[in-house]
């Protein structure tokens, strides 16, 4: 799975993102709208982690989406 696929089908992936990061609100996911940097920023704020850690978590999430 690559980020272009996620961004293009963001509405379909918001549920999976919510499962992964339960602290994210609907508003957080709406603001992100499939933009990786926005999503990383929201994860960083909600979980109190570094941007690098947020990006590592996103990378791991992307790999978990592959069949």
N, C-alpha and C. Protein backbone atom coordinates (compact mmCIF):
# COMPACT_ATOMS: atom_id res chain seq x y z
N UNK A 1 0.86 -1.17 0.00
CA UNK A 1 0.00 0.00 0.00
C UNK A 1 0.91 1.23 0.00
N UNK A 2 0.59 2.18 -0.86
CA UNK A 2 1.37 3.41 -0.84
C UNK A 2 0.47 4.57 -0.44
N UNK A 3 1.09 5.68 -0.11
CA UNK A 3 0.32 6.80 0.42
C UNK A 3 -0.64 7.38 -0.60
N UNK A 4 -0.32 7.34 -1.88
CA UNK A 4 -1.22 7.86 -2.90
C UNK A 4 -2.55 7.10 -2.88
N UNK A 5 -2.49 5.79 -2.64
CA UNK A 5 -3.72 5.00 -2.55
C UNK A 5 -4.54 5.41 -1.32
N UNK A 6 -3.85 5.66 -0.22
CA UNK A 6 -4.53 6.09 1.00
C UNK A 6 -5.19 7.45 0.77
N UNK A 7 -4.43 8.39 0.24
CA UNK A 7 -4.93 9.74 0.03
C UNK A 7 -6.13 9.75 -0.92
N UNK A 8 -6.06 8.94 -1.96
CA UNK A 8 -7.13 8.90 -2.95
C UNK A 8 -8.42 8.30 -2.41
N UNK A 9 -8.31 7.47 -1.39
CA UNK A 9 -9.48 6.80 -0.81
C UNK A 9 -9.57 7.09 0.68
N UNK A 10 -9.26 8.31 1.07
CA UNK A 10 -9.15 8.66 2.49
C UNK A 10 -10.38 8.30 3.29
N UNK A 11 -11.56 8.56 2.75
CA UNK A 11 -12.80 8.27 3.48
C UNK A 11 -12.87 6.80 3.87
N UNK A 12 -12.40 5.92 2.98
CA UNK A 12 -12.44 4.49 3.25
C UNK A 12 -11.43 4.09 4.32
N UNK A 13 -10.36 4.86 4.46
CA UNK A 13 -9.31 4.49 5.40
C UNK A 13 -9.43 5.17 6.76
N UNK A 14 -10.37 6.09 6.90
CA UNK A 14 -10.48 6.78 8.18
C UNK A 14 -10.83 5.82 9.31
N UNK A 15 -11.66 4.82 9.02
CA UNK A 15 -12.01 3.83 10.04
C UNK A 15 -10.80 3.03 10.49
N UNK A 16 -9.97 2.65 9.55
CA UNK A 16 -8.75 1.91 9.89
C UNK A 16 -7.77 2.79 10.66
N UNK A 17 -7.72 4.06 10.29
CA UNK A 17 -6.86 5.00 11.03
C UNK A 17 -7.38 5.17 12.45
N UNK A 18 -8.69 5.22 12.61
CA UNK A 18 -9.30 5.37 13.93
C UNK A 18 -8.99 4.14 14.79
N UNK A 19 -9.00 2.94 14.18
CA UNK A 19 -8.66 1.72 14.92
C UNK A 19 -7.21 1.78 15.39
N UNK A 20 -6.34 2.27 14.54
CA UNK A 20 -4.91 2.33 14.87
C UNK A 20 -4.63 3.40 15.92
N UNK A 21 -5.23 4.56 15.76
CA UNK A 21 -4.97 5.70 16.66
C UNK A 21 -6.30 6.16 17.25
N UNK A 22 -6.73 5.49 18.29
CA UNK A 22 -8.03 5.74 18.88
C UNK A 22 -8.22 7.13 19.47
N UNK A 23 -7.13 7.84 19.74
CA UNK A 23 -7.24 9.18 20.31
C UNK A 23 -7.55 10.24 19.26
N UNK A 24 -7.44 9.89 17.99
CA UNK A 24 -7.75 10.85 16.94
C UNK A 24 -9.25 11.05 16.86
N UNK A 25 -9.67 12.28 16.71
CA UNK A 25 -11.09 12.59 16.60
C UNK A 25 -11.51 12.61 15.13
N UNK A 26 -12.82 12.63 14.92
CA UNK A 26 -13.32 12.77 13.55
C UNK A 26 -12.80 14.06 12.92
N UNK A 27 -12.75 15.11 13.73
CA UNK A 27 -12.23 16.39 13.23
C UNK A 27 -10.77 16.27 12.81
N UNK A 28 -9.96 15.55 13.61
CA UNK A 28 -8.55 15.34 13.26
C UNK A 28 -8.43 14.66 11.91
N UNK A 29 -9.23 13.62 11.71
CA UNK A 29 -9.18 12.87 10.46
C UNK A 29 -9.70 13.69 9.29
N UNK A 30 -10.70 14.53 9.56
CA UNK A 30 -11.24 15.40 8.51
C UNK A 30 -10.21 16.44 8.10
N UNK A 31 -9.51 17.01 9.07
CA UNK A 31 -8.48 18.01 8.77
C UNK A 31 -7.34 17.36 7.98
N UNK A 32 -6.97 16.15 8.34
CA UNK A 32 -5.86 15.46 7.66
C UNK A 32 -6.20 15.21 6.19
N UNK A 33 -7.43 14.82 5.90
CA UNK A 33 -7.90 14.58 4.53
C UNK A 33 -6.88 13.85 3.66
N UNK A 34 -6.23 12.86 4.23
CA UNK A 34 -5.30 12.06 3.45
C UNK A 34 -3.92 12.65 3.29
N UNK A 35 -3.66 13.78 3.92
CA UNK A 35 -2.33 14.39 3.85
C UNK A 35 -1.46 13.78 4.95
N UNK A 36 -0.42 13.10 4.56
CA UNK A 36 0.42 12.39 5.51
C UNK A 36 1.00 13.32 6.58
N UNK A 37 1.50 14.47 6.19
CA UNK A 37 2.09 15.39 7.17
C UNK A 37 1.06 15.86 8.19
N UNK A 38 -0.14 16.13 7.73
CA UNK A 38 -1.21 16.54 8.65
C UNK A 38 -1.54 15.41 9.62
N UNK A 39 -1.65 14.19 9.10
CA UNK A 39 -1.94 13.04 9.95
C UNK A 39 -0.84 12.85 10.98
N UNK A 40 0.41 12.93 10.55
CA UNK A 40 1.54 12.79 11.47
C UNK A 40 1.48 13.86 12.56
N UNK A 41 1.14 15.07 12.18
CA UNK A 41 1.04 16.15 13.16
C UNK A 41 -0.06 15.90 14.18
N UNK A 42 -1.20 15.40 13.72
CA UNK A 42 -2.31 15.11 14.63
C UNK A 42 -1.94 13.97 15.58
N UNK A 43 -1.27 12.95 15.07
CA UNK A 43 -0.83 11.83 15.91
C UNK A 43 0.18 12.34 16.94
N UNK A 44 1.08 13.17 16.48
CA UNK A 44 2.11 13.74 17.36
C UNK A 44 1.47 14.48 18.53
N UNK A 45 0.49 15.31 18.24
CA UNK A 45 -0.17 16.10 19.28
C UNK A 45 -0.97 15.21 20.23
N UNK A 46 -1.78 14.33 19.69
CA UNK A 46 -2.66 13.51 20.52
C UNK A 46 -1.90 12.53 21.41
N UNK A 47 -0.77 12.02 20.92
CA UNK A 47 -0.03 11.01 21.67
C UNK A 47 1.23 11.54 22.34
N UNK A 48 1.56 12.79 22.12
CA UNK A 48 2.73 13.37 22.75
C UNK A 48 4.03 12.71 22.34
N UNK A 49 4.14 12.40 21.05
CA UNK A 49 5.33 11.75 20.52
C UNK A 49 6.02 12.67 19.51
N UNK A 50 7.21 12.28 19.10
CA UNK A 50 7.94 13.07 18.12
C UNK A 50 7.35 12.86 16.73
N UNK A 51 7.64 13.79 15.85
CA UNK A 51 7.19 13.66 14.46
C UNK A 51 7.80 12.41 13.82
N UNK A 52 9.05 12.11 14.17
CA UNK A 52 9.71 10.93 13.62
C UNK A 52 8.98 9.66 14.06
N UNK A 53 8.58 9.60 15.34
CA UNK A 53 7.85 8.43 15.84
C UNK A 53 6.48 8.33 15.17
N UNK A 54 5.82 9.45 14.98
CA UNK A 54 4.53 9.44 14.28
C UNK A 54 4.69 8.90 12.87
N UNK A 55 5.75 9.31 12.18
CA UNK A 55 5.99 8.80 10.83
C UNK A 55 6.33 7.32 10.83
N UNK A 56 7.05 6.85 11.85
CA UNK A 56 7.33 5.42 11.96
C UNK A 56 6.03 4.64 12.14
N UNK A 57 5.14 5.17 12.96
CA UNK A 57 3.85 4.51 13.17
C UNK A 57 3.02 4.48 11.89
N UNK A 58 3.06 5.57 11.14
CA UNK A 58 2.33 5.60 9.86
C UNK A 58 2.92 4.58 8.90
N UNK A 59 4.25 4.49 8.83
CA UNK A 59 4.88 3.49 7.96
C UNK A 59 4.47 2.08 8.34
N UNK A 60 4.45 1.78 9.63
CA UNK A 60 4.05 0.45 10.11
C UNK A 60 2.58 0.19 9.77
N UNK A 61 1.74 1.22 9.91
CA UNK A 61 0.33 1.09 9.57
C UNK A 61 0.15 0.80 8.08
N UNK A 62 0.90 1.50 7.24
CA UNK A 62 0.83 1.24 5.81
C UNK A 62 1.17 -0.20 5.48
N UNK A 63 2.22 -0.71 6.10
CA UNK A 63 2.62 -2.11 5.86
C UNK A 63 1.54 -3.07 6.33
N UNK A 64 0.86 -2.73 7.42
CA UNK A 64 -0.20 -3.63 7.93
C UNK A 64 -1.41 -3.66 7.02
N UNK A 65 -1.58 -2.67 6.16
CA UNK A 65 -2.70 -2.62 5.24
C UNK A 65 -2.50 -3.49 4.01
N UNK A 66 -1.26 -3.88 3.75
CA UNK A 66 -0.98 -4.73 2.59
C UNK A 66 -1.55 -6.12 2.85
N UNK A 67 -2.19 -6.69 1.82
CA UNK A 67 -2.79 -8.03 2.00
C UNK A 67 -1.74 -9.11 2.19
